[in-house]
PDB file of N, CA and C in Angstrom:
ATOM      1  N   UNK A   1    -118.969 -66.083   9.774  1.00  0.00           N
ATOM      2  CA  UNK A   1    -118.209 -66.009   8.454  1.00  0.00           C
ATOM      3  C   UNK A   1    -118.404 -64.746   7.892  1.00  0.00           C
ATOM      4  N   UNK A   2    -117.299 -64.085   7.430  1.00  0.00           N
ATOM      5  CA  UNK A   2    -117.395 -62.799   6.811  1.00  0.00           C
ATOM      6  C   UNK A   2    -117.839 -62.999   5.332  1.00  0.00           C
ATOM      7  N   UNK A   3    -118.773 -62.158   4.983  1.00  0.00           N
ATOM      8  CA  UNK A   3    -119.378 -62.021   3.494  1.00  0.00           C
ATOM      9  C   UNK A   3    -118.245 -61.380   2.586  1.00  0.00           C
ATOM     10  N   UNK A   4    -117.979 -61.894   1.590  1.00  0.00           N
ATOM     11  CA  UNK A   4    -117.070 -61.207   0.616  1.00  0.00           C
ATOM     12  C   UNK A   4    -117.740 -60.253  -0.230  1.00  0.00           C
ATOM     13  N   UNK A   5    -117.297 -58.990  -0.314  1.00  0.00           N
ATOM     14  CA  UNK A   5    -117.993 -57.926  -1.218  1.00  0.00           C
ATOM     15  C   UNK A   5    -117.656 -58.173  -2.595  1.00  0.00           C
ATOM     16  N   UNK A   6    -118.674 -58.164  -3.506  1.00  0.00           N
ATOM     17  CA  UNK A   6    -118.427 -58.409  -4.788  1.00  0.00           C
ATOM     18  C   UNK A   6    -117.976 -57.168  -5.547  1.00  0.00           C
ATOM     19  N   UNK A   7    -116.969 -57.059  -6.323  1.00  0.00           N
ATOM     20  CA  UNK A   7    -116.587 -55.885  -6.939  1.00  0.00           C
ATOM     21  C   UNK A   7    -117.119 -55.930  -8.426  1.00  0.00           C
ATOM     22  N   UNK A   8    -117.346 -54.784  -8.949  1.00  0.00           N
ATOM     23  CA  UNK A   8    -117.942 -54.819 -10.252  1.00  0.00           C
ATOM     24  C   UNK A   8    -118.616 -53.415 -10.392  1.00  0.00           C
ATOM     25  N   UNK A   9    -119.128 -53.142 -11.697  1.00  0.00           N
ATOM     26  CA  UNK A   9    -119.822 -51.981 -11.857  1.00  0.00           C
ATOM     27  C   UNK A   9    -121.145 -51.967 -11.044  1.00  0.00           C
ATOM     28  N   UNK A  10    -121.434 -50.629 -10.590  1.00  0.00           N
ATOM     29  CA  UNK A  10    -122.628 -50.266 -10.033  1.00  0.00           C
ATOM     30  C   UNK A  10    -123.679 -49.928 -11.046  1.00  0.00           C
ATOM     31  N   UNK A  11    -124.829 -50.458 -11.182  1.00  0.00           N
ATOM     32  CA  UNK A  11    -125.702 -50.188 -12.177  1.00  0.00           C
ATOM     33  C   UNK A  11    -126.748 -49.340 -11.537  1.00  0.00           C
ATOM     34  N   UNK A  12    -126.618 -48.176 -11.338  1.00  0.00           N
ATOM     35  CA  UNK A  12    -127.719 -47.101 -10.871  1.00  0.00           C
ATOM     36  C   UNK A  12    -127.869 -46.147 -11.858  1.00  0.00           C
ATOM     37  N   UNK A  13    -128.944 -45.544 -12.118  1.00  0.00           N
ATOM     38  CA  UNK A  13    -129.185 -44.410 -13.008  1.00  0.00           C
ATOM     39  C   UNK A  13    -128.482 -43.244 -12.551  1.00  0.00           C
ATOM     40  N   UNK A  14    -127.718 -42.575 -13.176  1.00  0.00           N
ATOM     41  CA  UNK A  14    -126.993 -41.314 -12.787  1.00  0.00           C
ATOM     42  C   UNK A  14    -127.827 -40.140 -12.949  1.00  0.00           C
ATOM     43  N   UNK A  15    -127.867 -39.206 -11.903  1.00  0.00           N
ATOM     44  CA  UNK A  15    -128.543 -37.917 -12.208  1.00  0.00           C
ATOM     45  C   UNK A  15    -127.688 -37.019 -12.848  1.00  0.00           C
ATOM     46  N   UNK A  16    -126.414 -37.127 -12.731  1.00  0.00           N
ATOM     47  CA  UNK A  16    -125.271 -36.253 -13.374  1.00  0.00           C
ATOM     48  C   UNK A  16    -124.262 -37.222 -13.912  1.00  0.00           C
ATOM     49  N   UNK A  17    -123.694 -36.800 -15.061  1.00  0.00           N
ATOM     50  CA  UNK A  17    -122.604 -37.485 -15.648  1.00  0.00           C
ATOM     51  C   UNK A  17    -121.310 -36.528 -15.772  1.00  0.00           C
ATOM     52  N   UNK A  18    -120.184 -36.816 -15.297  1.00  0.00           N
ATOM     53  CA  UNK A  18    -118.991 -36.036 -15.417  1.00  0.00           C
ATOM     54  C   UNK A  18    -118.039 -36.768 -16.422  1.00  0.00           C
ATOM     55  N   UNK A  19    -117.407 -36.012 -17.325  1.00  0.00           N
ATOM     56  CA  UNK A  19    -116.556 -36.577 -18.121  1.00  0.00           C
ATOM     57  C   UNK A  19    -115.082 -35.888 -18.050  1.00  0.00           C
ATOM     58  N   UNK A  20    -114.190 -36.721 -17.989  1.00  0.00           N
ATOM     59  CA  UNK A  20    -112.772 -36.193 -17.965  1.00  0.00           C
ATOM     60  C   UNK A  20    -111.941 -36.726 -19.035  1.00  0.00           C
ATOM     61  N   UNK A  21    -110.970 -35.857 -19.508  1.00  0.00           N
ATOM     62  CA  UNK A  21    -109.976 -36.357 -20.620  1.00  0.00           C
ATOM     63  C   UNK A  21    -109.178 -37.526 -20.181  1.00  0.00           C
ATOM     64  N   UNK A  22    -108.793 -37.610 -18.942  1.00  0.00           N
ATOM     65  CA  UNK A  22    -107.883 -38.591 -18.490  1.00  0.00           C
ATOM     66  C   UNK A  22    -108.342 -39.137 -17.035  1.00  0.00           C
ATOM     67  N   UNK A  23    -107.931 -40.313 -16.612  1.00  0.00           N
ATOM     68  CA  UNK A  23    -108.332 -40.874 -15.304  1.00  0.00           C
ATOM     69  C   UNK A  23    -107.509 -40.053 -14.243  1.00  0.00           C
ATOM     70  N   UNK A  24    -106.482 -39.640 -14.437  1.00  0.00           N
ATOM     71  CA  UNK A  24    -105.651 -38.766 -13.584  1.00  0.00           C
ATOM     72  C   UNK A  24    -106.457 -37.445 -13.294  1.00  0.00           C
ATOM     73  N   UNK A  25    -106.960 -36.951 -14.276  1.00  0.00           N
ATOM     74  CA  UNK A  25    -107.684 -35.720 -14.021  1.00  0.00           C
ATOM     75  C   UNK A  25    -108.758 -35.839 -12.964  1.00  0.00           C
ATOM     76  N   UNK A  26    -109.596 -37.143 -13.259  1.00  0.00           N
ATOM     77  CA  UNK A  26    -110.606 -37.376 -12.512  1.00  0.00           C
ATOM     78  C   UNK A  26    -110.207 -37.577 -11.126  1.00  0.00           C
ATOM     79  N   UNK A  27    -109.128 -38.388 -10.789  1.00  0.00           N
ATOM     80  CA  UNK A  27    -108.645 -38.655  -9.434  1.00  0.00           C
ATOM     81  C   UNK A  27    -108.160 -37.384  -8.612  1.00  0.00           C
ATOM     82  N   UNK A  28    -107.420 -36.426  -9.459  1.00  0.00           N
ATOM     83  CA  UNK A  28    -107.041 -35.266  -8.857  1.00  0.00           C
ATOM     84  C   UNK A  28    -108.240 -34.360  -8.502  1.00  0.00           C
ATOM     85  N   UNK A  29    -109.234 -34.375  -9.232  1.00  0.00           N
ATOM     86  CA  UNK A  29    -110.370 -33.519  -9.014  1.00  0.00           C
ATOM     87  C   UNK A  29    -111.142 -34.049  -7.958  1.00  0.00           C
ATOM     88  N   UNK A  30    -111.290 -35.232  -7.788  1.00  0.00           N
ATOM     89  CA  UNK A  30    -112.187 -36.106  -6.708  1.00  0.00           C
ATOM     90  C   UNK A  30    -111.217 -36.790  -5.676  1.00  0.00           C
ATOM     91  N   UNK A  31    -110.396 -35.969  -5.131  1.00  0.00           N
ATOM     92  CA  UNK A  31    -109.445 -36.410  -3.900  1.00  0.00           C
ATOM     93  C   UNK A  31    -110.347 -37.009  -2.886  1.00  0.00           C
ATOM     94  N   UNK A  32    -109.540 -37.735  -2.123  1.00  0.00           N
ATOM     95  CA  UNK A  32    -110.246 -38.301  -0.871  1.00  0.00           C
ATOM     96  C   UNK A  32    -110.889 -37.212   0.013  1.00  0.00           C
ATOM     97  N   UNK A  33    -110.291 -36.102   0.278  1.00  0.00           N
ATOM     98  CA  UNK A  33    -110.877 -35.086   1.053  1.00  0.00           C
ATOM     99  C   UNK A  33    -111.999 -34.393   0.396  1.00  0.00           C
ATOM    100  N   UNK A  34    -111.943 -34.235  -0.859  1.00  0.00           N
ATOM    101  CA  UNK A  34    -113.186 -33.721  -1.621  1.00  0.00           C
ATOM    102  C   UNK A  34    -114.265 -34.666  -1.609  1.00  0.00           C
ATOM    103  N   UNK A  35    -113.942 -35.985  -1.800  1.00  0.00           N
ATOM    104  CA  UNK A  35    -115.182 -36.961  -1.605  1.00  0.00           C
ATOM    105  C   UNK A  35    -115.803 -36.931  -0.207  1.00  0.00           C
ATOM    106  N   UNK A  36    -114.996 -36.769   0.770  1.00  0.00           N
ATOM    107  CA  UNK A  36    -115.209 -36.607   2.305  1.00  0.00           C
ATOM    108  C   UNK A  36    -116.244 -35.573   2.296  1.00  0.00           C
ATOM    109  N   UNK A  37    -115.847 -34.361   1.652  1.00  0.00           N
ATOM    110  CA  UNK A  37    -116.753 -33.068   1.723  1.00  0.00           C
ATOM    111  C   UNK A  37    -117.972 -33.364   1.046  1.00  0.00           C
ATOM    112  N   UNK A  38    -117.981 -34.008  -0.153  1.00  0.00           N
ATOM    113  CA  UNK A  38    -119.191 -34.290  -0.917  1.00  0.00           C
ATOM    114  C   UNK A  38    -120.020 -35.207  -0.130  1.00  0.00           C
ATOM    115  N   UNK A  39    -119.595 -36.188   0.457  1.00  0.00           N
ATOM    116  CA  UNK A  39    -120.535 -37.120   1.152  1.00  0.00           C
ATOM    117  C   UNK A  39    -120.841 -36.540   2.431  1.00  0.00           C
ATOM    118  N   UNK A  40    -120.126 -35.960   3.172  1.00  0.00           N
ATOM    119  CA  UNK A  40    -120.539 -35.179   4.375  1.00  0.00           C
ATOM    120  C   UNK A  40    -121.622 -34.214   4.265  1.00  0.00           C
ATOM    121  N   UNK A  41    -121.555 -33.441   3.148  1.00  0.00           N
ATOM    122  CA  UNK A  41    -122.547 -32.398   2.689  1.00  0.00           C
ATOM    123  C   UNK A  41    -123.974 -33.099   2.304  1.00  0.00           C
ATOM    124  N   UNK A  42    -123.638 -34.104   1.541  1.00  0.00           N
ATOM    125  CA  UNK A  42    -124.925 -35.042   1.069  1.00  0.00           C
ATOM    126  C   UNK A  42    -125.682 -35.384   2.390  1.00  0.00           C
ATOM    127  N   UNK A  43    -124.968 -35.957   3.265  1.00  0.00           N
ATOM    128  CA  UNK A  43    -125.588 -36.586   4.476  1.00  0.00           C
ATOM    129  C   UNK A  43    -126.127 -35.527   5.354  1.00  0.00           C
ATOM    130  N   UNK A  44    -125.427 -34.436   5.550  1.00  0.00           N
ATOM    131  CA  UNK A  44    -125.808 -33.288   6.314  1.00  0.00           C
ATOM    132  C   UNK A  44    -127.088 -32.514   5.890  1.00  0.00           C
ATOM    133  N   UNK A  45    -127.210 -32.389   4.529  1.00  0.00           N
ATOM    134  CA  UNK A  45    -128.130 -31.550   3.996  1.00  0.00           C
ATOM    135  C   UNK A  45    -127.586 -29.938   3.846  1.00  0.00           C
ATOM    136  N   UNK A  46    -128.313 -29.227   3.368  1.00  0.00           N
ATOM    137  CA  UNK A  46    -127.706 -27.837   2.954  1.00  0.00           C
ATOM    138  C   UNK A  46    -127.327 -27.219   4.258  1.00  0.00           C
ATOM    139  N   UNK A  47    -126.038 -26.532   3.997  1.00  0.00           N
ATOM    140  CA  UNK A  47    -125.295 -25.866   5.060  1.00  0.00           C
ATOM    141  C   UNK A  47    -124.460 -24.783   4.556  1.00  0.00           C
ATOM    142  N   UNK A  48    -124.036 -23.865   5.357  1.00  0.00           N
ATOM    143  CA  UNK A  48    -123.027 -22.852   5.011  1.00  0.00           C
ATOM    144  C   UNK A  48    -121.798 -23.619   4.874  1.00  0.00           C
ATOM    145  N   UNK A  49    -120.841 -23.079   4.167  1.00  0.00           N
ATOM    146  CA  UNK A  49    -119.422 -23.601   4.173  1.00  0.00           C
ATOM    147  C   UNK A  49    -118.926 -23.809   5.517  1.00  0.00           C
ATOM    148  N   UNK A  50    -118.974 -22.599   6.451  1.00  0.00           N
ATOM    149  CA  UNK A  50    -118.574 -22.561   7.704  1.00  0.00           C
ATOM    150  C   UNK A  50    -119.125 -23.847   8.556  1.00  0.00           C
ATOM    151  N   UNK A  51    -120.406 -24.085   8.402  1.00  0.00           N
ATOM    152  CA  UNK A  51    -121.122 -25.092   9.239  1.00  0.00           C
ATOM    153  C   UNK A  51    -120.533 -26.407   8.759  1.00  0.00           C
ATOM    154  N   UNK A  52    -120.241 -26.523   7.366  1.00  0.00           N
ATOM    155  CA  UNK A  52    -119.844 -27.825   6.844  1.00  0.00           C
ATOM    156  C   UNK A  52    -118.411 -28.019   7.463  1.00  0.00           C
ATOM    157  N   UNK A  53    -117.552 -27.096   7.418  1.00  0.00           N
ATOM    158  CA  UNK A  53    -116.213 -27.118   8.013  1.00  0.00           C
ATOM    159  C   UNK A  53    -116.344 -27.737   9.433  1.00  0.00           C
ATOM    160  N   UNK A  54    -117.183 -27.175  10.221  1.00  0.00           N
ATOM    161  CA  UNK A  54    -117.459 -27.613  11.571  1.00  0.00           C
ATOM    162  C   UNK A  54    -117.754 -29.137  11.559  1.00  0.00           C
ATOM    163  N   UNK A  55    -118.782 -29.523  10.734  1.00  0.00           N
ATOM    164  CA  UNK A  55    -119.236 -30.800  10.700  1.00  0.00           C
ATOM    165  C   UNK A  55    -118.077 -31.736  10.337  1.00  0.00           C
ATOM    166  N   UNK A  56    -117.289 -31.464   9.423  1.00  0.00           N
ATOM    167  CA  UNK A  56    -116.227 -32.142   8.928  1.00  0.00           C
ATOM    168  C   UNK A  56    -114.967 -32.220   9.807  1.00  0.00           C
ATOM    169  N   UNK A  57    -115.010 -31.236  10.782  1.00  0.00           N
ATOM    170  CA  UNK A  57    -113.880 -31.062  11.564  1.00  0.00           C
ATOM    171  C   UNK A  57    -112.522 -30.555  10.771  1.00  0.00           C
ATOM    172  N   UNK A  58    -112.764 -29.773   9.857  1.00  0.00           N
ATOM    173  CA  UNK A  58    -111.658 -29.522   8.835  1.00  0.00           C
ATOM    174  C   UNK A  58    -111.439 -27.904   8.850  1.00  0.00           C
ATOM    175  N   UNK A  59    -110.455 -27.389   8.431  1.00  0.00           N
ATOM    176  CA  UNK A  59    -110.068 -25.963   8.261  1.00  0.00           C
ATOM    177  C   UNK A  59    -111.002 -25.448   7.359  1.00  0.00           C
ATOM    178  N   UNK A  60    -111.576 -24.275   7.719  1.00  0.00           N
ATOM    179  CA  UNK A  60    -112.713 -23.595   6.845  1.00  0.00           C
ATOM    180  C   UNK A  60    -112.006 -23.208   5.435  1.00  0.00           C
ATOM    181  N   UNK A  61    -110.793 -22.797   5.388  1.00  0.00           N
ATOM    182  CA  UNK A  61    -110.291 -22.371   3.977  1.00  0.00           C
ATOM    183  C   UNK A  61    -110.238 -23.605   3.047  1.00  0.00           C
ATOM    184  N   UNK A  62    -109.818 -24.936   3.735  1.00  0.00           N
ATOM    185  CA  UNK A  62    -109.677 -26.099   2.907  1.00  0.00           C
ATOM    186  C   UNK A  62    -111.027 -26.387   2.334  1.00  0.00           C
ATOM    187  N   UNK A  63    -111.966 -26.322   3.242  1.00  0.00           N
ATOM    188  CA  UNK A  63    -113.394 -26.767   2.822  1.00  0.00           C
ATOM    189  C   UNK A  63    -113.821 -25.838   1.847  1.00  0.00           C
ATOM    190  N   UNK A  64    -113.617 -24.463   2.124  1.00  0.00           N
ATOM    191  CA  UNK A  64    -113.916 -23.433   1.080  1.00  0.00           C
ATOM    192  C   UNK A  64    -113.467 -23.821  -0.302  1.00  0.00           C
ATOM    193  N   UNK A  65    -112.169 -24.181  -0.433  1.00  0.00           N
ATOM    194  CA  UNK A  65    -111.611 -24.649  -1.707  1.00  0.00           C
ATOM    195  C   UNK A  65    -112.186 -25.759  -2.262  1.00  0.00           C
ATOM    196  N   UNK A  66    -112.389 -26.746  -1.542  1.00  0.00           N
ATOM    197  CA  UNK A  66    -112.809 -28.019  -1.905  1.00  0.00           C
ATOM    198  C   UNK A  66    -114.429 -27.789  -2.620  1.00  0.00           C
ATOM    199  N   UNK A  67    -115.081 -27.016  -1.835  1.00  0.00           N
ATOM    200  CA  UNK A  67    -116.538 -26.773  -2.280  1.00  0.00           C
ATOM    201  C   UNK A  67    -116.450 -25.925  -3.612  1.00  0.00           C
ATOM    202  N   UNK A  68    -115.277 -25.128  -3.801  1.00  0.00           N
ATOM    203  CA  UNK A  68    -115.385 -24.390  -4.994  1.00  0.00           C
ATOM    204  C   UNK A  68    -114.984 -25.285  -6.163  1.00  0.00           C
ATOM    205  N   UNK A  69    -114.077 -26.203  -5.957  1.00  0.00           N
ATOM    206  CA  UNK A  69    -113.810 -27.101  -7.111  1.00  0.00           C
ATOM    207  C   UNK A  69    -115.020 -28.045  -7.373  1.00  0.00           C
ATOM    208  N   UNK A  70    -115.687 -28.511  -6.355  1.00  0.00           N
ATOM    209  CA  UNK A  70    -116.928 -29.381  -6.557  1.00  0.00           C
ATOM    210  C   UNK A  70    -118.126 -28.682  -7.203  1.00  0.00           C
ATOM    211  N   UNK A  71    -118.063 -27.367  -6.945  1.00  0.00           N
ATOM    212  CA  UNK A  71    -119.059 -26.587  -7.490  1.00  0.00           C
ATOM    213  C   UNK A  71    -118.909 -26.432  -9.064  1.00  0.00           C
ATOM    214  N   UNK A  72    -117.493 -26.058  -9.426  1.00  0.00           N
ATOM    215  CA  UNK A  72    -117.184 -25.989 -10.897  1.00  0.00           C
ATOM    216  C   UNK A  72    -117.535 -27.284 -11.473  1.00  0.00           C
ATOM    217  N   UNK A  73    -117.370 -28.347 -10.901  1.00  0.00           N
ATOM    218  CA  UNK A  73    -117.756 -29.667 -11.466  1.00  0.00           C
ATOM    219  C   UNK A  73    -119.230 -30.012 -11.588  1.00  0.00           C
ATOM    220  N   UNK A  74    -120.110 -29.268 -10.818  1.00  0.00           N
ATOM    221  CA  UNK A  74    -121.524 -29.169 -10.908  1.00  0.00           C
ATOM    222  C   UNK A  74    -121.996 -30.389  -9.875  1.00  0.00           C
ATOM    223  N   UNK A  75    -121.068 -30.758  -8.931  1.00  0.00           N
ATOM    224  CA  UNK A  75    -121.283 -31.666  -7.877  1.00  0.00           C
ATOM    225  C   UNK A  75    -122.075 -31.130  -6.672  1.00  0.00           C
ATOM    226  N   UNK A  76    -121.954 -29.919  -6.369  1.00  0.00           N
ATOM    227  CA  UNK A  76    -122.352 -28.991  -5.379  1.00  0.00           C
ATOM    228  C   UNK A  76    -123.091 -27.705  -5.934  1.00  0.00           C
ATOM    229  N   UNK A  77    -124.264 -27.444  -5.259  1.00  0.00           N
ATOM    230  CA  UNK A  77    -125.010 -26.185  -5.680  1.00  0.00           C
ATOM    231  C   UNK A  77    -125.044 -25.157  -4.564  1.00  0.00           C
ATOM    232  N   UNK A  78    -125.138 -24.007  -4.834  1.00  0.00           N
ATOM    233  CA  UNK A  78    -125.194 -23.051  -3.862  1.00  0.00           C
ATOM    234  C   UNK A  78    -126.451 -22.174  -3.907  1.00  0.00           C
ATOM    235  N   UNK A  79    -127.237 -22.014  -3.079  1.00  0.00           N
ATOM    236  CA  UNK A  79    -128.484 -21.299  -3.312  1.00  0.00           C
ATOM    237  C   UNK A  79    -128.382 -19.785  -2.971  1.00  0.00           C
ATOM    238  N   UNK A  80    -129.427 -19.100  -3.024  1.00  0.00           N
ATOM    239  CA  UNK A  80    -129.566 -17.564  -2.833  1.00  0.00           C
ATOM    240  C   UNK A  80    -129.218 -17.238  -1.385  1.00  0.00           C
ATOM    241  N   UNK A  81    -129.315 -18.146  -0.492  1.00  0.00           N
ATOM    242  CA  UNK A  81    -129.072 -17.834   0.963  1.00  0.00           C
ATOM    243  C   UNK A  81    -127.775 -18.265   1.286  1.00  0.00           C
ATOM    244  N   UNK A  82    -126.955 -18.680   0.377  1.00  0.00           N
ATOM    245  CA  UNK A  82    -125.480 -18.984   0.659  1.00  0.00           C
ATOM    246  C   UNK A  82    -125.416 -20.355   1.086  1.00  0.00           C
ATOM    247  N   UNK A  83    -126.444 -21.313   1.043  1.00  0.00           N
ATOM    248  CA  UNK A  83    -126.384 -22.765   1.531  1.00  0.00           C
ATOM    249  C   UNK A  83    -125.858 -23.485   0.362  1.00  0.00           C
ATOM    250  N   UNK A  84    -124.925 -24.457   0.691  1.00  0.00           N
ATOM    251  CA  UNK A  84    -124.456 -25.439  -0.242  1.00  0.00           C
ATOM    252  C   UNK A  84    -125.053 -26.829  -0.191  1.00  0.00           C
ATOM    253  N   UNK A  85    -125.283 -27.373  -0.952  1.00  0.00           N
ATOM    254  CA  UNK A  85    -125.933 -28.911  -1.058  1.00  0.00           C
ATOM    255  C   UNK A  85    -125.591 -29.694  -2.243  1.00  0.00           C
ATOM    256  N   UNK A  86    -125.845 -31.024  -1.992  1.00  0.00           N
ATOM    257  CA  UNK A  86    -125.529 -31.958  -3.030  1.00  0.00           C
ATOM    258  C   UNK A  86    -126.783 -32.378  -3.597  1.00  0.00           C
ATOM    259  N   UNK A  87    -127.412 -32.135  -4.661  1.00  0.00           N
ATOM    260  CA  UNK A  87    -128.717 -32.378  -5.139  1.00  0.00           C
ATOM    261  C   UNK A  87    -128.768 -33.827  -5.779  1.00  0.00           C
ATOM    262  N   UNK A  88    -127.613 -34.482  -5.981  1.00  0.00           N
ATOM    263  CA  UNK A  88    -127.667 -35.713  -6.693  1.00  0.00           C
ATOM    264  C   UNK A  88    -127.718 -36.904  -5.754  1.00  0.00           C
ATOM    265  N   UNK A  89    -128.385 -37.991  -6.295  1.00  0.00           N
ATOM    266  CA  UNK A  89    -128.458 -39.335  -5.660  1.00  0.00           C
ATOM    267  C   UNK A  89    -127.238 -40.223  -6.209  1.00  0.00           C
ATOM    268  N   UNK A  90    -127.004 -39.997  -7.447  1.00  0.00           N
ATOM    269  CA  UNK A  90    -125.827 -40.846  -8.127  1.00  0.00           C
ATOM    270  C   UNK A  90    -125.263 -39.998  -9.266  1.00  0.00           C
ATOM    271  N   UNK A  91    -123.920 -40.168  -9.266  1.00  0.00           N
ATOM    272  CA  UNK A  91    -123.116 -39.369 -10.346  1.00  0.00           C
ATOM    273  C   UNK A  91    -122.313 -40.506 -11.116  1.00  0.00           C
ATOM    274  N   UNK A  92    -122.347 -40.313 -12.327  1.00  0.00           N
ATOM    275  CA  UNK A  92    -121.510 -41.215 -13.245  1.00  0.00           C
ATOM    276  C   UNK A  92    -120.162 -40.430 -13.804  1.00  0.00           C
ATOM    277  N   UNK A  93    -119.039 -41.126 -13.454  1.00  0.00           N
ATOM    278  CA  UNK A  93    -117.873 -40.567 -13.919  1.00  0.00           C
ATOM    279  C   UNK A  93    -117.309 -41.315 -15.177  1.00  0.00           C
ATOM    280  N   UNK A  94    -116.853 -40.572 -16.208  1.00  0.00           N
ATOM    281  CA  UNK A  94    -116.347 -41.243 -17.460  1.00  0.00           C
ATOM    282  C   UNK A  94    -115.058 -40.684 -17.703  1.00  0.00           C
ATOM    283  N   UNK A  95    -114.217 -41.548 -18.109  1.00  0.00           N
ATOM    284  CA  UNK A  95    -112.918 -41.229 -18.703  1.00  0.00           C
ATOM    285  C   UNK A  95    -112.405 -42.128 -19.691  1.00  0.00           C
ATOM    286  N   UNK A  96    -111.673 -41.723 -20.866  1.00  0.00           N
ATOM    287  CA  UNK A  96    -111.254 -42.685 -21.832  1.00  0.00           C
ATOM    288  C   UNK A  96    -110.117 -43.507 -21.205  1.00  0.00           C
ATOM    289  N   UNK A  97    -110.037 -44.787 -21.694  1.00  0.00           N
ATOM    290  CA  UNK A  97    -108.943 -45.664 -21.382  1.00  0.00           C
ATOM    291  C   UNK A  97    -108.137 -45.934 -22.771  1.00  0.00           C
ATOM    292  N   UNK A  98    -106.892 -45.604 -22.754  1.00  0.00           N
ATOM    293  CA  UNK A  98    -106.238 -45.805 -24.070  1.00  0.00           C
ATOM    294  C   UNK A  98    -106.217 -44.374 -24.814  1.00  0.00           C
ATOM    295  N   UNK A  99    -105.888 -44.642 -26.071  1.00  0.00           N
ATOM    296  CA  UNK A  99    -105.584 -43.549 -26.924  1.00  0.00           C
ATOM    297  C   UNK A  99    -106.917 -43.149 -27.811  1.00  0.00           C
ATOM    298  N   UNK A 100    -108.094 -43.837 -27.740  1.00  0.00           N
ATOM    299  CA  UNK A 100    -109.293 -43.629 -28.380  1.00  0.00           C
ATOM    300  C   UNK A 100    -109.354 -44.589 -29.678  1.00  0.00           C
ATOM    301  N   UNK A 101    -108.286 -45.265 -29.943  1.00  0.00           N
ATOM    302  CA  UNK A 101    -108.334 -46.312 -30.972  1.00  0.00           C
ATOM    303  C   UNK A 101    -109.104 -47.443 -30.617  1.00  0.00           C
ATOM    304  N   UNK A 102    -109.702 -48.269 -31.467  1.00  0.00           N
ATOM    305  CA  UNK A 102    -110.257 -49.487 -31.156  1.00  0.00           C
ATOM    306  C   UNK A 102    -109.258 -50.495 -30.736  1.00  0.00           C
ATOM    307  N   UNK A 103    -109.459 -51.267 -29.569  1.00  0.00           N
ATOM    308  CA  UNK A 103    -108.536 -52.359 -29.319  1.00  0.00           C
ATOM    309  C   UNK A 103    -107.592 -51.871 -28.242  1.00  0.00           C
ATOM    310  N   UNK A 104    -106.327 -51.677 -28.667  1.00  0.00           N
ATOM    311  CA  UNK A 104    -105.232 -51.499 -27.610  1.00  0.00           C
ATOM    312  C   UNK A 104    -105.039 -50.024 -27.357  1.00  0.00           C
ATOM    313  N   UNK A 105    -104.416 -49.766 -26.170  1.00  0.00           N
ATOM    314  CA  UNK A 105    -104.094 -48.433 -25.610  1.00  0.00           C
ATOM    315  C   UNK A 105    -102.794 -47.964 -26.227  1.00  0.00           C
ATOM    316  N   UNK A 106    -102.408 -46.888 -25.700  1.00  0.00           N
ATOM    317  CA  UNK A 106    -101.178 -46.283 -26.268  1.00  0.00           C
ATOM    318  C   UNK A 106     -99.994 -47.133 -25.876  1.00  0.00           C
ATOM    319  N   UNK A 107     -99.008 -47.093 -26.707  1.00  0.00           N
ATOM    320  CA  UNK A 107     -97.717 -47.907 -26.438  1.00  0.00           C
ATOM    321  C   UNK A 107     -96.739 -46.988 -25.676  1.00  0.00           C
ATOM    322  N   UNK A 108     -95.966 -47.681 -24.746  1.00  0.00           N
ATOM    323  CA  UNK A 108     -95.149 -46.920 -23.909  1.00  0.00           C
ATOM    324  C   UNK A 108     -93.844 -46.456 -24.605  1.00  0.00           C
TER     325      UNK A 108
END
């Protein structure tokens, strides 16, 4: 018999908290390919961007761009030797729901 996976919040202490103005902004910044890049780098350990592209089997320029966005967000760090890495165990992402008023969200 297959176990059902429970959905709900994950309660882990975050090493880094990212805040976005809107959920759409968070989803655009953390696209599936960028999440794949982040997880691949976290699993592989510090690498050059070229080596990361090889590990991910992706085009170098696409990985380079994704690493740039993830660095701006603070999710990836680059050392003096040019190696990129993910120093975080857990990241918390926050964005407001509604228009900031107590109770109901914006009306359409």
